[in-house]
Amino acid sequence: MKRLYYTALGYMIAGLIAGIYYREVTKITGFTGKTMLSVLHTHLLVLGMFFFLILILLEKQFCLSKSKLFTAFYWVYNIGVIWTVALLAVHGTITAAGGLSGPAIAGIAGMGHIILSGGLILFFILLKERITQAK
């Protein structure tokens, strides 16, 4: 359960830093349009911090970490979130700096979303397994 707490804490810190990064980059560049940086901190806080805080409650109730799938879920999900937000940061920074990001950035970001989806699928499989065993 400590690992889940520290993961949530790490995402909270990253989310707050991302909010500051967005504010400072747009201020320095004078950018006033839409950029992916505007949703970076929200992704980190919701997919990271809030998700893992909820996971702590589910762990307490259903002992999710007893599932053989838990470690795979944990790493796949985290890789997916980090990959996704990293590409949001790259794409948003390029946009704020006045550049154009090409289809390669979108494709690589899409891979992050696929990995994240895989993590969510693993999560729901292990959640069902643990709920069924709890009966």
N, C-alpha and C. Protein backbone atom coordinates (compact mmCIF):
# COMPACT_ATOMS: atom_id res chain seq x y z
N MET A 1 0.82 -1.19 0.00
CA MET A 1 0.00 0.00 0.00
C MET A 1 0.88 1.26 0.00
N LYS A 2 2.07 1.15 0.59
CA LYS A 2 2.98 2.29 0.58
C LYS A 2 3.38 2.66 -0.84
N ARG A 3 3.57 1.64 -1.68
CA ARG A 3 3.95 1.90 -3.07
C ARG A 3 2.86 2.72 -3.77
N LEU A 4 1.61 2.40 -3.50
CA LEU A 4 0.50 3.15 -4.11
C LEU A 4 0.48 4.58 -3.59
N TYR A 5 0.73 4.75 -2.29
CA TYR A 5 0.77 6.09 -1.71
C TYR A 5 1.88 6.92 -2.36
N TYR A 6 3.08 6.35 -2.44
CA TYR A 6 4.20 7.11 -3.01
C TYR A 6 4.02 7.36 -4.50
N THR A 7 3.34 6.45 -5.18
CA THR A 7 3.03 6.69 -6.59
C THR A 7 2.07 7.87 -6.72
N ALA A 8 1.03 7.89 -5.90
CA ALA A 8 0.08 9.01 -5.91
C ALA A 8 0.79 10.31 -5.57
N LEU A 9 1.66 10.28 -4.58
CA LEU A 9 2.42 11.47 -4.18
C LEU A 9 3.31 11.96 -5.33
N GLY A 10 3.97 11.03 -6.00
CA GLY A 10 4.82 11.40 -7.13
C GLY A 10 4.03 12.06 -8.25
N TYR A 11 2.86 11.52 -8.54
CA TYR A 11 2.01 12.12 -9.57
C TYR A 11 1.49 13.49 -9.13
N MET A 12 1.21 13.66 -7.84
CA MET A 12 0.77 14.96 -7.35
C MET A 12 1.86 16.00 -7.54
N ILE A 13 3.08 15.65 -7.18
CA ILE A 13 4.20 16.58 -7.36
C ILE A 13 4.41 16.89 -8.83
N ALA A 14 4.39 15.84 -9.67
CA ALA A 14 4.56 16.05 -11.12
C ALA A 14 3.44 16.91 -11.68
N GLY A 15 2.21 16.70 -11.21
CA GLY A 15 1.08 17.49 -11.69
C GLY A 15 1.21 18.96 -11.34
N LEU A 16 1.65 19.24 -10.12
CA LEU A 16 1.84 20.63 -9.72
C LEU A 16 2.98 21.28 -10.50
N ILE A 17 4.06 20.54 -10.70
CA ILE A 17 5.18 21.06 -11.50
C ILE A 17 4.72 21.31 -12.93
N ALA A 18 3.89 20.42 -13.47
CA ALA A 18 3.39 20.59 -14.85
C ALA A 18 2.54 21.85 -14.97
N GLY A 19 1.77 22.17 -13.94
CA GLY A 19 0.98 23.40 -13.96
C GLY A 19 1.86 24.63 -13.98
N ILE A 20 2.92 24.60 -13.18
CA ILE A 20 3.87 25.71 -13.17
C ILE A 20 4.59 25.80 -14.51
N TYR A 21 4.97 24.65 -15.06
CA TYR A 21 5.66 24.62 -16.36
C TYR A 21 4.79 25.25 -17.44
N TYR A 22 3.52 24.89 -17.47
CA TYR A 22 2.58 25.47 -18.44
C TYR A 22 2.53 26.98 -18.31
N ARG A 23 2.36 27.45 -17.09
CA ARG A 23 2.27 28.89 -16.86
C ARG A 23 3.55 29.61 -17.29
N GLU A 24 4.68 29.06 -16.94
CA GLU A 24 5.95 29.73 -17.24
C GLU A 24 6.30 29.68 -18.73
N VAL A 25 6.07 28.55 -19.37
CA VAL A 25 6.39 28.44 -20.81
C VAL A 25 5.53 29.39 -21.62
N THR A 26 4.24 29.43 -21.32
CA THR A 26 3.37 30.34 -22.08
C THR A 26 3.68 31.80 -21.77
N LYS A 27 4.10 32.08 -20.55
CA LYS A 27 4.47 33.46 -20.19
C LYS A 27 5.75 33.88 -20.93
N ILE A 28 6.75 33.00 -20.91
CA ILE A 28 8.04 33.31 -21.55
C ILE A 28 7.89 33.46 -23.06
N THR A 29 7.11 32.58 -23.67
CA THR A 29 6.96 32.62 -25.13
C THR A 29 5.89 33.60 -25.58
N GLY A 30 5.08 34.09 -24.65
CA GLY A 30 3.98 34.99 -25.01
C GLY A 30 2.86 34.29 -25.74
N PHE A 31 2.79 32.97 -25.60
CA PHE A 31 1.79 32.17 -26.31
C PHE A 31 0.44 32.31 -25.64
N THR A 32 -0.60 32.58 -26.42
CA THR A 32 -1.95 32.74 -25.87
C THR A 32 -2.96 31.77 -26.47
N GLY A 33 -2.54 30.94 -27.40
CA GLY A 33 -3.46 29.99 -28.03
C GLY A 33 -3.61 28.72 -27.23
N LYS A 34 -4.16 27.70 -27.88
CA LYS A 34 -4.36 26.40 -27.24
C LYS A 34 -3.09 25.56 -27.39
N THR A 35 -2.75 24.89 -26.32
CA THR A 35 -1.60 24.00 -26.33
C THR A 35 -1.89 22.80 -25.44
N MET A 36 -1.25 21.69 -25.74
CA MET A 36 -1.43 20.48 -24.94
C MET A 36 -0.92 20.66 -23.52
N LEU A 37 -0.10 21.67 -23.29
CA LEU A 37 0.39 21.93 -21.94
C LEU A 37 -0.74 22.26 -20.98
N SER A 38 -1.84 22.78 -21.51
CA SER A 38 -2.95 23.17 -20.64
C SER A 38 -3.63 21.98 -19.98
N VAL A 39 -3.49 20.80 -20.55
CA VAL A 39 -4.13 19.61 -19.97
C VAL A 39 -3.11 18.67 -19.32
N LEU A 40 -1.86 19.04 -19.36
CA LEU A 40 -0.80 18.19 -18.82
C LEU A 40 -0.98 17.95 -17.32
N HIS A 41 -1.17 19.01 -16.55
CA HIS A 41 -1.30 18.82 -15.10
C HIS A 41 -2.58 18.09 -14.75
N THR A 42 -3.63 18.28 -15.52
CA THR A 42 -4.89 17.57 -15.26
C THR A 42 -4.71 16.08 -15.48
N HIS A 43 -4.03 15.71 -16.55
CA HIS A 43 -3.78 14.29 -16.81
C HIS A 43 -2.97 13.67 -15.66
N LEU A 44 -1.95 14.36 -15.21
CA LEU A 44 -1.13 13.83 -14.12
C LEU A 44 -1.92 13.70 -12.82
N LEU A 45 -2.74 14.69 -12.53
CA LEU A 45 -3.49 14.65 -11.28
C LEU A 45 -4.61 13.61 -11.31
N VAL A 46 -5.32 13.50 -12.43
CA VAL A 46 -6.45 12.57 -12.49
C VAL A 46 -5.98 11.14 -12.76
N LEU A 47 -5.21 10.94 -13.83
CA LEU A 47 -4.76 9.58 -14.17
C LEU A 47 -3.69 9.08 -13.21
N GLY A 48 -3.02 10.00 -12.55
CA GLY A 48 -1.98 9.63 -11.61
C GLY A 48 -2.45 9.68 -10.18
N MET A 49 -2.46 10.87 -9.60
CA MET A 49 -2.75 11.02 -8.18
C MET A 49 -4.12 10.47 -7.78
N PHE A 50 -5.19 10.95 -8.40
CA PHE A 50 -6.53 10.51 -8.00
C PHE A 50 -6.73 9.02 -8.24
N PHE A 51 -6.24 8.51 -9.37
CA PHE A 51 -6.39 7.09 -9.66
C PHE A 51 -5.72 6.25 -8.57
N PHE A 52 -4.51 6.62 -8.18
CA PHE A 52 -3.81 5.83 -7.18
C PHE A 52 -4.35 6.03 -5.77
N LEU A 53 -4.93 7.18 -5.48
CA LEU A 53 -5.60 7.35 -4.19
C LEU A 53 -6.83 6.45 -4.10
N ILE A 54 -7.57 6.34 -5.19
CA ILE A 54 -8.72 5.43 -5.24
C ILE A 54 -8.24 3.98 -5.15
N LEU A 55 -7.11 3.71 -5.80
CA LEU A 55 -6.54 2.36 -5.77
C LEU A 55 -6.17 1.95 -4.34
N ILE A 56 -5.72 2.90 -3.53
CA ILE A 56 -5.41 2.59 -2.12
C ILE A 56 -6.67 2.08 -1.42
N LEU A 57 -7.80 2.72 -1.65
CA LEU A 57 -9.06 2.27 -1.04
C LEU A 57 -9.46 0.88 -1.53
N LEU A 58 -9.29 0.65 -2.84
CA LEU A 58 -9.62 -0.66 -3.40
C LEU A 58 -8.66 -1.73 -2.88
N GLU A 59 -7.40 -1.37 -2.71
CA GLU A 59 -6.42 -2.31 -2.15
C GLU A 59 -6.81 -2.70 -0.72
N LYS A 60 -7.23 -1.72 0.05
CA LYS A 60 -7.64 -1.97 1.43
C LYS A 60 -8.85 -2.92 1.48
N GLN A 61 -9.78 -2.74 0.54
CA GLN A 61 -11.01 -3.53 0.53
C GLN A 61 -10.83 -4.91 -0.12
N PHE A 62 -10.08 -4.98 -1.22
CA PHE A 62 -10.03 -6.21 -2.02
C PHE A 62 -8.65 -6.84 -2.14
N CYS A 63 -7.64 -6.27 -1.50
CA CYS A 63 -6.26 -6.81 -1.57
C CYS A 63 -5.84 -7.05 -3.02
N LEU A 64 -5.93 -6.00 -3.83
CA LEU A 64 -5.62 -6.12 -5.25
C LEU A 64 -4.21 -6.64 -5.50
N SER A 65 -3.28 -6.29 -4.63
CA SER A 65 -1.88 -6.67 -4.84
C SER A 65 -1.66 -8.18 -4.71
N LYS A 66 -2.64 -8.91 -4.23
CA LYS A 66 -2.52 -10.37 -4.15
C LYS A 66 -2.71 -11.03 -5.52
N SER A 67 -3.25 -10.29 -6.46
CA SER A 67 -3.45 -10.83 -7.81
C SER A 67 -2.10 -10.96 -8.52
N LYS A 68 -1.96 -12.02 -9.30
CA LYS A 68 -0.74 -12.20 -10.10
C LYS A 68 -0.61 -11.12 -11.16
N LEU A 69 -1.71 -10.49 -11.52
CA LEU A 69 -1.71 -9.45 -12.55
C LEU A 69 -1.32 -8.07 -12.01
N PHE A 70 -1.25 -7.93 -10.69
CA PHE A 70 -1.07 -6.60 -10.13
C PHE A 70 0.23 -5.93 -10.57
N THR A 71 1.33 -6.63 -10.50
CA THR A 71 2.61 -6.02 -10.88
C THR A 71 2.62 -5.63 -12.34
N ALA A 72 2.08 -6.50 -13.20
CA ALA A 72 2.00 -6.17 -14.63
C ALA A 72 1.13 -4.94 -14.83
N PHE A 73 -0.03 -4.91 -14.18
CA PHE A 73 -0.91 -3.74 -14.28
C PHE A 73 -0.17 -2.48 -13.84
N TYR A 74 0.47 -2.53 -12.68
CA TYR A 74 1.13 -1.36 -12.11
C TYR A 74 2.14 -0.77 -13.09
N TRP A 75 2.97 -1.61 -13.66
CA TRP A 75 4.02 -1.10 -14.55
C TRP A 75 3.47 -0.68 -15.91
N VAL A 76 2.58 -1.46 -16.48
CA VAL A 76 2.00 -1.10 -17.78
C VAL A 76 1.23 0.21 -17.66
N TYR A 77 0.42 0.35 -16.63
CA TYR A 77 -0.37 1.57 -16.45
C TYR A 77 0.54 2.78 -16.27
N ASN A 78 1.53 2.66 -15.40
CA ASN A 78 2.43 3.79 -15.16
C ASN A 78 3.24 4.16 -16.40
N ILE A 79 3.71 3.18 -17.13
CA ILE A 79 4.43 3.47 -18.38
C ILE A 79 3.50 4.19 -19.34
N GLY A 80 2.25 3.75 -19.43
CA GLY A 80 1.27 4.40 -20.31
C GLY A 80 1.00 5.84 -19.92
N VAL A 81 0.83 6.10 -18.63
CA VAL A 81 0.58 7.47 -18.17
C VAL A 81 1.80 8.35 -18.43
N ILE A 82 2.97 7.87 -18.05
CA ILE A 82 4.19 8.67 -18.22
C ILE A 82 4.46 8.93 -19.69
N TRP A 83 4.30 7.92 -20.53
CA TRP A 83 4.50 8.07 -21.97
C TRP A 83 3.54 9.12 -22.53
N THR A 84 2.28 9.00 -22.14
CA THR A 84 1.25 9.92 -22.63
C THR A 84 1.54 11.36 -22.22
N VAL A 85 1.83 11.58 -20.94
CA VAL A 85 2.06 12.95 -20.49
C VAL A 85 3.39 13.50 -21.01
N ALA A 86 4.36 12.64 -21.22
CA ALA A 86 5.63 13.10 -21.80
C ALA A 86 5.39 13.65 -23.21
N LEU A 87 4.58 12.95 -23.99
CA LEU A 87 4.30 13.42 -25.34
C LEU A 87 3.38 14.64 -25.34
N LEU A 88 2.49 14.74 -24.35
CA LEU A 88 1.71 15.97 -24.20
C LEU A 88 2.66 17.15 -23.95
N ALA A 89 3.66 16.92 -23.10
CA ALA A 89 4.62 17.98 -22.79
C ALA A 89 5.43 18.36 -24.02
N VAL A 90 5.89 17.38 -24.78
CA VAL A 90 6.67 17.65 -25.99
C VAL A 90 5.81 18.41 -27.00
N HIS A 91 4.63 17.89 -27.27
CA HIS A 91 3.73 18.51 -28.24
C HIS A 91 3.36 19.94 -27.81
N GLY A 92 3.02 20.10 -26.55
CA GLY A 92 2.64 21.41 -26.04
C GLY A 92 3.77 22.41 -26.05
N THR A 93 4.97 21.96 -25.73
CA THR A 93 6.13 22.85 -25.74
C THR A 93 6.46 23.29 -27.15
N ILE A 94 6.39 22.38 -28.10
CA ILE A 94 6.64 22.73 -29.50
C ILE A 94 5.62 23.76 -29.96
N THR A 95 4.36 23.54 -29.63
CA THR A 95 3.29 24.48 -30.01
C THR A 95 3.51 25.85 -29.37
N ALA A 96 3.81 25.88 -28.07
CA ALA A 96 4.01 27.15 -27.37
C ALA A 96 5.23 27.90 -27.90
N ALA A 97 6.21 27.16 -28.39
CA ALA A 97 7.42 27.79 -28.93
C ALA A 97 7.22 28.26 -30.37
N GLY A 98 6.04 28.02 -30.91
CA GLY A 98 5.72 28.48 -32.26
C GLY A 98 6.00 27.48 -33.35
N GLY A 99 6.36 26.27 -32.98
CA GLY A 99 6.65 25.23 -33.97
C GLY A 99 5.42 24.41 -34.30
N LEU A 100 5.58 23.56 -35.28
CA LEU A 100 4.52 22.63 -35.67
C LEU A 100 5.00 21.21 -35.40
N SER A 101 4.20 20.46 -34.67
CA SER A 101 4.56 19.06 -34.44
C SER A 101 3.97 18.22 -35.56
N GLY A 102 4.74 17.28 -36.03
CA GLY A 102 4.31 16.46 -37.15
C GLY A 102 3.54 15.23 -36.72
N PRO A 103 3.22 14.40 -37.69
CA PRO A 103 2.45 13.18 -37.40
C PRO A 103 3.23 12.18 -36.53
N ALA A 104 4.54 12.28 -36.51
CA ALA A 104 5.33 11.37 -35.68
C ALA A 104 5.00 11.57 -34.20
N ILE A 105 4.85 12.81 -33.79
CA ILE A 105 4.51 13.10 -32.39
C ILE A 105 3.14 12.51 -32.06
N ALA A 106 2.19 12.68 -32.95
CA ALA A 106 0.84 12.13 -32.72
C ALA A 106 0.88 10.60 -32.66
N GLY A 107 1.67 10.00 -33.52
CA GLY A 107 1.78 8.54 -33.54
C GLY A 107 2.41 7.99 -32.27
N ILE A 108 3.47 8.65 -31.82
CA ILE A 108 4.13 8.21 -30.60
C ILE A 108 3.21 8.42 -29.40
N ALA A 109 2.48 9.53 -29.39
CA ALA A 109 1.52 9.78 -28.31
C ALA A 109 0.42 8.72 -28.32
N GLY A 110 0.00 8.33 -29.50
CA GLY A 110 -1.03 7.29 -29.63
C GLY A 110 -0.57 5.98 -29.03
N MET A 111 0.72 5.67 -29.16
CA MET A 111 1.27 4.46 -28.55
C MET A 111 1.14 4.52 -27.03
N GLY A 112 1.35 5.71 -26.47
CA GLY A 112 1.19 5.88 -25.02
C GLY A 112 -0.24 5.61 -24.59
N HIS A 113 -1.19 6.08 -25.39
CA HIS A 113 -2.61 5.83 -25.08
C HIS A 113 -2.94 4.34 -25.17
N ILE A 114 -2.34 3.65 -26.12
CA ILE A 114 -2.57 2.21 -26.25
C ILE A 114 -2.02 1.47 -25.03
N ILE A 115 -0.81 1.85 -24.60
CA ILE A 115 -0.22 1.23 -23.41
C ILE A 115 -1.08 1.51 -22.18
N LEU A 116 -1.52 2.75 -22.04
CA LEU A 116 -2.40 3.13 -20.93
C LEU A 116 -3.69 2.31 -20.96
N SER A 117 -4.26 2.12 -22.12
CA SER A 117 -5.47 1.30 -22.26
C SER A 117 -5.21 -0.14 -21.84
N GLY A 118 -4.05 -0.66 -22.21
CA GLY A 118 -3.67 -2.01 -21.79
C GLY A 118 -3.60 -2.12 -20.27
N GLY A 119 -3.06 -1.09 -19.64
CA GLY A 119 -3.01 -1.06 -18.18
C GLY A 119 -4.39 -1.04 -17.56
N LEU A 120 -5.30 -0.27 -18.15
CA LEU A 120 -6.67 -0.21 -17.64
C LEU A 120 -7.39 -1.55 -17.82
N ILE A 121 -7.14 -2.22 -18.94
CA ILE A 121 -7.74 -3.54 -19.15
C ILE A 121 -7.24 -4.52 -18.09
N LEU A 122 -5.92 -4.52 -17.84
CA LEU A 122 -5.37 -5.37 -16.78
C LEU A 122 -5.99 -5.04 -15.43
N PHE A 123 -6.18 -3.76 -15.16
CA PHE A 123 -6.78 -3.33 -13.89
C PHE A 123 -8.18 -3.91 -13.73
N PHE A 124 -9.01 -3.81 -14.76
CA PHE A 124 -10.38 -4.30 -14.62
C PHE A 124 -10.43 -5.82 -14.54
N ILE A 125 -9.50 -6.51 -15.19
CA ILE A 125 -9.44 -7.96 -15.06
C ILE A 125 -9.08 -8.35 -13.63
N LEU A 126 -8.05 -7.70 -13.09
CA LEU A 126 -7.64 -8.05 -11.72
C LEU A 126 -8.66 -7.60 -10.69
N LEU A 127 -9.34 -6.49 -10.93
CA LEU A 127 -10.38 -6.04 -10.01
C LEU A 127 -11.52 -7.05 -9.96
N LYS A 128 -11.94 -7.52 -11.13
CA LYS A 128 -13.01 -8.53 -11.16
C LYS A 128 -12.58 -9.80 -10.44
N GLU A 129 -11.34 -10.21 -10.68
CA GLU A 129 -10.80 -11.40 -10.03
C GLU A 129 -10.85 -11.26 -8.50
N ARG A 130 -10.42 -10.13 -7.99
CA ARG A 130 -10.37 -9.93 -6.54
C ARG A 130 -11.77 -9.74 -5.94
N ILE A 131 -12.67 -9.09 -6.67
CA ILE A 131 -14.05 -8.94 -6.18
C ILE A 131 -14.72 -10.30 -6.10
N THR A 132 -14.50 -11.13 -7.12
CA THR A 132 -15.07 -12.47 -7.14
C THR A 132 -14.54 -13.31 -5.98
N GLN A 133 -13.24 -13.20 -5.71
CA GLN A 133 -12.65 -13.98 -4.61
C GLN A 133 -13.06 -13.45 -3.24
N ALA A 134 -13.47 -12.20 -3.17
CA ALA A 134 -13.86 -11.61 -1.88
C ALA A 134 -15.24 -12.07 -1.42
N LYS A 135 -16.03 -12.62 -2.34
CA LYS A 135 -17.40 -13.04 -1.98
C LYS A 135 -17.39 -14.22 -1.06
